[in-house]
Amino acid sequence: MVQAIINLGEHEDRILNILKGKFGLKNKSDAVNLVIEKYGEEFLEPELRPEYVNKLKKIKRQKGKQFKSVYGLKKHIENAKV
């Protein structure tokens, strides 16, 4: 475990005290850890699995069929095999 001395303003100190009470935490250190945990989840993006990256690349390479009109699209949908 790493220990750190931090300087907090009055407002930040109040916020940590509120978090302590709201979540039933033992001390301000637990409150700081909670804030870091919550913020870290939102801020840091998880790494994408390589399989998913490959799947995205395949989708990007695919070319869709182009239609000259809505009528052509409708005709294509009606004649599509299920």
Protein backbone atom coordinates (compact mmCIF):
# COMPACT_ATOMS: atom_id res chain seq x y z
CA MET A 1 0.00 0.00 0.00
CA VAL A 2 1.22 3.45 -0.90
CA GLN A 3 0.82 6.31 1.54
CA ALA A 4 0.49 9.91 0.47
CA ILE A 5 0.04 13.24 2.17
CA ILE A 6 -2.44 15.40 0.30
CA ASN A 7 -3.63 18.95 0.86
CA LEU A 8 -7.39 19.40 0.64
CA GLY A 9 -9.40 22.55 0.55
CA GLU A 10 -12.33 23.04 2.89
CA HIS A 11 -14.85 22.16 0.17
CA GLU A 12 -13.04 18.95 -0.80
CA ASP A 13 -12.80 17.95 2.86
CA ARG A 14 -16.56 18.37 3.24
CA ILE A 15 -17.19 16.25 0.17
CA LEU A 16 -15.04 13.44 1.58
CA ASN A 17 -16.90 13.63 4.90
CA ILE A 18 -20.24 13.40 3.07
CA LEU A 19 -19.02 10.40 1.10
CA LYS A 20 -17.82 8.76 4.30
CA GLY A 21 -21.27 9.09 5.82
CA LYS A 22 -23.24 8.20 2.71
CA PHE A 23 -21.31 5.00 1.97
CA GLY A 24 -20.48 4.07 5.58
CA LEU A 25 -16.73 4.33 5.09
CA LYS A 26 -14.27 4.18 7.98
CA ASN A 27 -12.00 7.06 7.01
CA LYS A 28 -11.19 9.66 4.39
CA SER A 29 -8.69 7.34 2.76
CA ASP A 30 -11.54 4.98 1.91
CA ALA A 31 -13.51 7.93 0.53
CA VAL A 32 -10.59 8.98 -1.68
CA ASN A 33 -10.24 5.40 -2.92
CA LEU A 34 -13.96 5.31 -3.75
CA VAL A 35 -13.72 8.53 -5.77
CA ILE A 36 -10.67 7.24 -7.64
CA GLU A 37 -12.41 3.94 -8.38
CA LYS A 38 -15.55 5.61 -9.74
CA TYR A 39 -13.63 8.20 -11.74
CA GLY A 40 -11.24 5.60 -13.11
CA GLU A 41 -14.09 3.52 -14.50
CA GLU A 42 -15.49 6.49 -16.40
CA PHE A 43 -12.22 8.06 -17.45
CA LEU A 44 -10.15 5.09 -18.55
CA GLU A 45 -11.36 3.15 -21.55
CA PRO A 46 -11.02 -0.61 -21.34
CA GLU A 47 -8.82 -2.28 -23.90
CA LEU A 48 -10.66 -3.92 -26.76
CA ARG A 49 -10.17 -7.63 -27.23
CA PRO A 50 -8.12 -8.45 -30.36
CA GLU A 51 -10.96 -10.61 -31.73
CA TYR A 52 -13.32 -7.64 -31.54
CA VAL A 53 -10.81 -5.34 -33.25
CA ASN A 54 -10.45 -7.87 -36.08
CA LYS A 55 -14.24 -8.13 -36.39
CA LEU A 56 -14.51 -4.33 -36.65
CA LYS A 57 -11.85 -4.27 -39.38
CA LYS A 58 -13.77 -6.90 -41.37
CA ILE A 59 -16.98 -4.90 -41.09
CA LYS A 60 -15.21 -1.75 -42.32
CA ARG A 61 -13.93 -3.60 -45.41
CA GLN A 62 -17.39 -4.83 -46.38
CA LYS A 63 -19.19 -2.90 -49.04
CA GLY A 64 -22.93 -2.67 -49.03
CA LYS A 65 -25.19 -2.74 -52.04
CA GLN A 66 -26.12 0.69 -53.33
CA PHE A 67 -29.56 1.57 -54.59
CA LYS A 68 -30.52 4.33 -57.00
CA SER A 69 -33.90 4.84 -55.39
CA VAL A 70 -36.10 3.84 -52.49
CA TYR A 71 -38.11 1.78 -54.95
CA GLY A 72 -35.01 -0.29 -55.79
CA LEU A 73 -34.35 -0.91 -52.09
CA LYS A 74 -37.98 -1.90 -51.51
CA LYS A 75 -37.86 -4.31 -54.46
CA HIS A 76 -34.64 -5.85 -53.15
CA ILE A 77 -36.14 -6.36 -49.68
CA GLU A 78 -39.31 -7.93 -51.06
CA ASN A 79 -37.31 -10.40 -53.16
CA ALA A 80 -34.84 -11.28 -50.39
CA LYS A 81 -34.72 -14.88 -49.28
CA VAL A 82 -35.38 -15.47 -45.62
